[in-house]
């Protein structure tokens, strides 16, 4: 309970911008979340038919994380580097808030305008004012050209040139623009076809540990956040994401197979495992973040979260 507002929160800590939110009582957020759900429900039956390589589980991971941003009262633009036919940008389109003048920003040297507009229309976004196309390589664009500044963007999906230098460049762009609480998604992480992506990303994170930290690896994508809100985001992911995927019909296992000093990153892998979680070898039924959770505790926390929501 927040003593200042009398509102319940899900958080086990305090960080400016991530407390004092009441999902049940905040009418504006409640209405936004209703619209969010409606547009995602509208898109989902058609999403599988949009050409692209993202798997169905990714739709639900993004839906969950985008909803978390709304619950945290975050507002800002969404960006994709490498848009192809709009399979992933259509998910972002479903969450654009026109009232707050959010934009969907797409950067690709070969913009397929007709296909992208069709994909975004399936998500209920058909306003040209809300979509900005930049037909240029991300390595040649500047934030001044984008008319953006630090903190303007809450979600960036990097699926561009697939070279190590491009990954480093695109992470620099993300650093220049992403707000606290924002999420950066890197495609083809751990892909055997594109090993340079993984190596480049790891080198970047080692070189600039104060810029981004890994939150989650799931279905071929690496999810990053700013260091400060990372623990709270990981708590929510650990408690809620696997049940969300199970509810959508996808069996999965939440993994955290080492101690946090070694690597503090969650992962989701397809298929079931012991009690739905996979901890370290010495305690395989425990997920360790800043504190450890066993499966029963995760279920209890999830139940409490559902009661608040």
Protein backbone atom coordinates (compact mmCIF):
# COMPACT_ATOMS: atom_id res chain seq x y z
CA UNK A 1 0.00 0.00 0.00
CA UNK A 2 1.34 3.42 -0.93
CA UNK A 3 0.77 5.60 2.18
CA UNK A 4 0.65 8.78 0.11
CA UNK A 5 -2.10 7.62 -2.22
CA UNK A 6 -3.70 4.69 -0.40
CA UNK A 7 -3.20 2.62 -3.53
CA UNK A 8 -1.96 -0.93 -3.73
CA UNK A 9 1.09 -1.70 -5.82
CA UNK A 10 2.77 -4.88 -7.03
CA UNK A 11 6.25 -3.69 -6.22
CA UNK A 12 8.58 -5.02 -3.52
CA UNK A 13 10.73 -1.89 -3.73
CA UNK A 14 10.53 1.77 -4.64
CA UNK A 15 11.75 3.56 -7.74
CA UNK A 16 10.56 6.89 -9.06
CA UNK A 17 8.19 6.27 -11.93
CA UNK A 18 7.36 2.70 -10.96
CA UNK A 19 5.27 3.14 -7.80
CA UNK A 20 1.93 4.58 -6.83
CA UNK A 21 0.12 3.20 -9.88
CA UNK A 22 -3.37 1.89 -9.28
CA UNK A 23 -4.60 -0.13 -12.22
CA UNK A 24 -8.07 -0.55 -10.77
CA UNK A 25 -8.55 3.11 -9.81
CA UNK A 26 -6.65 5.09 -12.40
CA UNK A 27 -9.34 5.66 -14.99
CA UNK A 28 -7.05 6.93 -17.74
CA UNK A 29 -4.71 3.93 -17.51
CA UNK A 30 -7.67 1.58 -17.20
CA UNK A 31 -9.23 2.91 -20.40
CA UNK A 32 -5.90 2.75 -22.19
CA UNK A 33 -5.42 -0.87 -21.15
CA UNK A 34 -8.91 -1.72 -22.40
CA UNK A 35 -8.08 -0.19 -25.78
CA UNK A 36 -4.72 -2.00 -25.74
CA UNK A 37 -6.48 -5.35 -25.22
CA UNK A 38 -9.09 -4.63 -27.88
CA UNK A 39 -6.51 -3.80 -30.53
CA UNK A 40 -4.36 -6.80 -29.72
CA UNK A 41 -7.42 -9.04 -29.84
CA UNK A 42 -8.26 -7.49 -33.22
CA UNK A 43 -4.76 -8.16 -34.58
CA UNK A 44 -4.11 -11.64 -33.21
CA UNK A 45 -6.25 -13.73 -35.64
CA UNK A 46 -4.52 -12.13 -38.65
CA UNK A 47 -0.99 -11.79 -37.27
CA UNK A 48 0.15 -15.26 -38.30
CA UNK A 49 -0.59 -14.42 -41.94
CA UNK A 50 1.75 -11.39 -42.04
CA UNK A 51 4.97 -12.45 -43.73
CA UNK A 52 7.94 -12.66 -41.37
CA UNK A 53 9.90 -14.95 -39.07
CA UNK A 54 8.74 -14.00 -35.59
CA UNK A 55 7.10 -16.94 -33.82
CA UNK A 56 3.64 -16.83 -32.26
CA UNK A 57 5.04 -16.77 -28.73
CA UNK A 58 6.77 -13.46 -29.50
CA UNK A 59 3.36 -11.86 -30.10
CA UNK A 60 2.39 -12.69 -26.52
CA UNK A 61 5.75 -11.71 -25.00
CA UNK A 62 5.49 -8.28 -26.64
CA UNK A 63 1.85 -7.91 -25.70
CA UNK A 64 2.73 -8.59 -22.08
CA UNK A 65 5.73 -6.24 -21.95
CA UNK A 66 3.94 -3.41 -23.76
CA UNK A 67 1.06 -3.75 -21.31
CA UNK A 68 3.57 -3.54 -18.45
CA UNK A 69 4.79 -0.23 -19.81
CA UNK A 70 1.22 1.09 -19.79
CA UNK A 71 0.71 -0.15 -16.25
CA UNK A 72 3.87 1.74 -15.29
CA UNK A 73 2.35 4.89 -16.88
CA UNK A 74 5.03 5.04 -19.58
CA UNK A 75 4.31 6.92 -22.79
CA UNK A 76 6.60 7.41 -25.76
CA UNK A 77 7.31 6.51 -29.35
CA UNK A 78 8.05 3.02 -30.64
CA UNK A 79 10.77 2.34 -33.20
CA UNK A 80 11.82 -0.53 -35.42
CA UNK A 81 15.08 -0.80 -37.33
CA UNK A 82 14.44 -3.26 -40.16
CA UNK A 83 10.70 -3.44 -40.81
CA UNK A 84 10.35 -5.94 -43.70
CA UNK A 85 6.61 -6.71 -44.10
CA UNK A 86 5.46 -5.38 -40.73
CA UNK A 87 5.04 -8.57 -38.74
CA UNK A 88 6.68 -7.14 -35.63
CA UNK A 89 5.85 -3.48 -36.20
CA UNK A 90 2.15 -4.45 -36.38
CA UNK A 91 2.43 -5.47 -32.71
CA UNK A 92 3.81 -2.03 -31.89
CA UNK A 93 1.07 -0.45 -34.00
CA UNK A 94 -1.54 -2.09 -31.78
CA UNK A 95 -0.14 -0.17 -28.80
CA UNK A 96 0.32 3.32 -30.27
CA UNK A 97 -1.67 5.93 -28.33
CA UNK A 98 -2.86 8.63 -30.74
CA UNK A 99 -4.21 10.77 -27.91
CA UNK A 100 -0.69 11.10 -26.49
CA UNK A 101 0.67 11.75 -29.99
CA UNK A 102 2.87 8.67 -29.98
CA UNK A 103 4.49 7.67 -33.25
CA UNK A 104 5.62 4.42 -34.80
CA UNK A 105 9.03 5.09 -36.36
CA UNK A 106 10.30 2.67 -39.01
CA UNK A 107 13.84 2.73 -40.41
CA UNK A 108 14.69 0.52 -43.37
CA UNK A 109 16.64 1.08 -46.61
CA UNK A 110 13.80 -0.63 -48.48
CA UNK A 111 10.47 0.54 -47.07
CA UNK A 112 7.53 -1.55 -48.32
CA UNK A 113 4.90 1.11 -47.72
CA UNK A 114 1.86 -0.78 -49.00
CA UNK A 115 2.60 -3.98 -47.07
CA UNK A 116 3.41 -2.06 -43.89
CA UNK A 117 0.22 0.01 -44.03
CA UNK A 118 -1.77 -3.16 -44.55
CA UNK A 119 -0.14 -4.85 -41.54
CA UNK A 120 -0.62 -1.81 -39.32
CA UNK A 121 -4.24 -1.49 -40.45
CA UNK A 122 -4.88 -4.96 -39.05
CA UNK A 123 -3.85 -3.52 -35.68
CA UNK A 124 -6.21 -0.58 -36.02
CA UNK A 125 -3.54 2.00 -36.84
CA UNK A 126 -4.25 3.60 -40.19
CA UNK A 127 -3.25 7.20 -39.47
CA UNK A 128 -0.29 8.39 -41.55
CA UNK A 129 0.33 11.06 -38.91
CA UNK A 130 1.21 8.33 -36.39
CA UNK A 131 3.72 6.51 -38.62
CA UNK A 132 7.07 7.88 -39.76
CA UNK A 133 8.95 6.08 -42.54
CA UNK A 134 12.68 6.59 -43.00
CA UNK A 135 13.96 4.85 -46.10
CA UNK A 136 17.62 4.89 -45.11
CA UNK A 137 20.18 2.66 -43.41
CA UNK A 138 20.23 3.10 -39.65
CA UNK A 139 24.00 3.65 -39.92
CA UNK A 140 23.38 6.85 -41.90
CA UNK A 141 20.63 8.43 -39.82
CA UNK A 142 20.95 10.84 -36.89
CA UNK A 143 18.68 11.56 -33.94
CA UNK A 144 18.42 15.15 -35.23
CA UNK A 145 17.03 13.79 -38.51
CA UNK A 146 14.56 11.74 -36.48
CA UNK A 147 13.60 14.86 -34.48
CA UNK A 148 14.00 12.86 -31.28
CA UNK A 149 15.90 13.30 -28.05
CA UNK A 150 16.93 11.15 -25.09
CA UNK A 151 13.86 9.67 -23.42
CA UNK A 152 11.44 10.05 -26.33
CA UNK A 153 11.29 6.32 -27.17
CA UNK A 154 9.97 3.52 -24.97
CA UNK A 155 10.45 0.54 -27.31
CA UNK A 156 13.08 -0.17 -29.98
CA UNK A 157 13.21 -3.37 -32.02
CA UNK A 158 16.55 -3.95 -33.77
CA UNK A 159 16.26 -6.29 -36.75
CA UNK A 160 18.40 -4.52 -39.29
CA UNK A 161 21.52 -5.27 -41.25
CA UNK A 162 22.65 -8.30 -39.21
CA UNK A 163 26.31 -7.30 -39.09
CA UNK A 164 28.28 -6.79 -35.90
CA UNK A 165 28.97 -3.13 -36.73
CA UNK A 166 25.27 -2.50 -37.43
CA UNK A 167 24.29 -4.04 -34.08
CA UNK A 168 26.74 -1.75 -32.27
CA UNK A 169 25.47 1.26 -34.22
CA UNK A 170 21.82 0.43 -33.54
CA UNK A 171 22.48 -0.04 -29.82
CA UNK A 172 24.09 3.42 -29.85
CA UNK A 173 20.87 4.79 -31.37
CA UNK A 174 18.88 3.00 -28.69
CA UNK A 175 21.07 4.49 -25.98
CA UNK A 176 20.58 7.99 -27.39
CA UNK A 177 16.78 7.73 -27.46
CA UNK A 178 15.43 5.19 -24.94
CA UNK A 179 13.73 6.38 -21.77
CA UNK A 180 14.13 4.83 -18.34
CA UNK A 181 11.67 1.96 -18.29
CA UNK A 182 12.03 1.56 -22.04
CA UNK A 183 12.82 -1.79 -23.64
CA UNK A 184 15.27 -2.56 -26.44
CA UNK A 185 14.78 -5.83 -28.35
CA UNK A 186 17.56 -7.40 -30.42
CA UNK A 187 16.50 -10.00 -32.97
CA UNK A 188 18.39 -13.18 -33.88
CA UNK A 189 20.23 -13.37 -30.58
CA UNK A 190 21.94 -16.79 -30.30
CA UNK A 191 21.08 -17.46 -33.96
CA UNK A 192 23.59 -19.92 -35.42
CA UNK A 193 23.14 -18.21 -38.79
CA UNK A 194 24.14 -14.81 -37.38
CA UNK A 195 26.75 -15.41 -34.63
CA UNK A 196 28.10 -11.88 -35.16
CA UNK A 197 24.92 -10.45 -33.62
CA UNK A 198 25.41 -12.27 -30.33
CA UNK A 199 29.13 -11.50 -30.12
CA UNK A 200 28.63 -7.85 -30.99
CA UNK A 201 25.84 -7.42 -28.42
CA UNK A 202 27.85 -9.08 -25.64
CA UNK A 203 30.90 -6.92 -26.42
CA UNK A 204 28.69 -3.81 -26.37
CA UNK A 205 27.14 -4.67 -23.00
CA UNK A 206 30.59 -5.38 -21.54
CA UNK A 207 31.93 -2.09 -22.91
CA UNK A 208 28.99 0.02 -21.66
CA UNK A 209 27.54 -1.67 -18.55
CA UNK A 210 25.86 1.57 -17.46
CA UNK A 211 23.75 1.81 -20.65
CA UNK A 212 21.74 -1.41 -20.79
CA UNK A 213 21.45 -4.69 -18.94
CA UNK A 214 19.87 -7.94 -20.17
CA UNK A 215 16.36 -8.63 -18.92
CA UNK A 216 15.25 -11.65 -20.88
CA UNK A 217 16.14 -13.97 -23.73
CA UNK A 218 13.09 -15.54 -25.39
CA UNK A 219 12.32 -17.07 -28.78
CA UNK A 220 15.43 -15.73 -30.50
CA UNK A 221 15.31 -12.20 -29.09
CA UNK A 222 17.31 -10.42 -26.39
CA UNK A 223 15.42 -7.88 -24.26
CA UNK A 224 17.38 -5.04 -22.63
CA UNK A 225 16.51 -2.25 -20.23
CA UNK A 226 18.22 0.60 -18.46
CA UNK A 227 20.03 -0.64 -15.33
CA UNK A 228 17.94 1.23 -12.75
CA UNK A 229 14.47 -0.27 -13.42
CA UNK A 230 15.82 -3.70 -14.44
CA UNK A 231 15.22 -5.48 -11.12
CA UNK A 232 11.56 -4.45 -10.93
CA UNK A 233 10.98 -5.44 -14.54
CA UNK A 234 12.61 -8.83 -13.91
CA UNK A 235 10.39 -9.39 -10.89
CA UNK A 236 7.30 -8.91 -13.00
CA UNK A 237 8.62 -11.07 -15.81
CA UNK A 238 9.55 -13.85 -13.38
CA UNK A 239 6.13 -13.79 -11.77
CA UNK A 240 3.81 -13.23 -14.71
CA UNK A 241 5.26 -13.94 -18.16
CA UNK A 242 5.31 -17.76 -18.17
CA UNK A 243 1.68 -17.95 -16.91
CA UNK A 244 0.68 -15.48 -19.66
CA UNK A 245 2.24 -17.75 -22.29
CA UNK A 246 0.64 -20.84 -20.74
CA UNK A 247 -2.73 -19.08 -20.80
CA UNK A 248 -2.22 -18.41 -24.51
CA UNK A 249 -1.58 -22.11 -25.06
CA UNK A 250 2.24 -22.24 -25.15
CA UNK A 251 4.07 -24.57 -22.77
CA UNK A 252 7.33 -23.01 -21.64
CA UNK A 253 9.94 -22.99 -18.91
CA UNK A 254 11.25 -19.96 -17.04
CA UNK A 255 15.03 -20.29 -16.70
CA UNK A 256 17.63 -18.61 -14.51
CA UNK A 257 20.44 -21.14 -14.25
CA UNK A 258 23.14 -19.21 -12.40
CA UNK A 259 23.54 -16.75 -9.55
CA UNK A 260 22.96 -13.06 -10.18
CA UNK A 261 26.62 -12.09 -9.78
CA UNK A 262 27.44 -14.37 -12.71
CA UNK A 263 24.61 -13.19 -15.01
CA UNK A 264 21.33 -11.61 -13.95
CA UNK A 265 19.16 -12.48 -16.94
CA UNK A 266 15.97 -14.52 -17.26
CA UNK A 267 15.14 -16.70 -20.22
CA UNK A 268 12.14 -18.56 -21.56
CA UNK A 269 12.52 -21.81 -23.44
CA UNK A 270 9.80 -23.78 -25.20
CA UNK A 271 8.53 -26.95 -23.55
CA UNK A 272 8.01 -27.98 -19.97
CA UNK A 273 10.56 -28.73 -17.28
CA UNK A 274 10.45 -29.52 -13.59
CA UNK A 275 7.56 -27.47 -12.12
CA UNK A 276 7.82 -25.02 -15.02
CA UNK A 277 11.07 -23.43 -13.87
CA UNK A 278 14.73 -24.28 -14.35
CA UNK A 279 17.14 -22.91 -11.80
CA UNK A 280 20.88 -23.52 -11.33
CA UNK A 281 22.23 -27.05 -11.11
CA UNK A 282 22.60 -26.80 -7.34
CA UNK A 283 19.00 -25.62 -6.86
CA UNK A 284 17.03 -26.37 -10.02
CA UNK A 285 13.63 -25.45 -8.58
CA UNK A 286 14.66 -21.92 -7.56
CA UNK A 287 14.81 -18.69 -9.55
CA UNK A 288 17.32 -16.21 -8.10
CA UNK A 289 17.07 -12.49 -8.71
CA UNK A 290 17.97 -10.18 -5.82
CA UNK A 291 16.11 -12.78 -3.78
CA UNK A 292 15.22 -16.36 -4.59
CA UNK A 293 11.79 -17.66 -5.56
CA UNK A 294 10.58 -21.23 -5.74
CA UNK A 295 7.61 -22.22 -7.88
CA UNK A 296 5.09 -22.05 -5.01
CA UNK A 297 6.22 -18.52 -4.12
CA UNK A 298 6.00 -17.44 -7.76
CA UNK A 299 2.42 -18.75 -7.93
CA UNK A 300 1.55 -16.95 -4.68
CA UNK A 301 3.00 -13.68 -5.97
CA UNK A 302 1.15 -14.09 -9.25
CA UNK A 303 -2.12 -14.69 -7.37
CA UNK A 304 -1.56 -11.51 -5.34
CA UNK A 305 -0.81 -9.59 -8.53
CA UNK A 306 -4.02 -10.82 -10.15
CA UNK A 307 -6.03 -9.74 -7.11
CA UNK A 308 -4.56 -6.23 -7.33
CA UNK A 309 -5.23 -6.08 -11.07
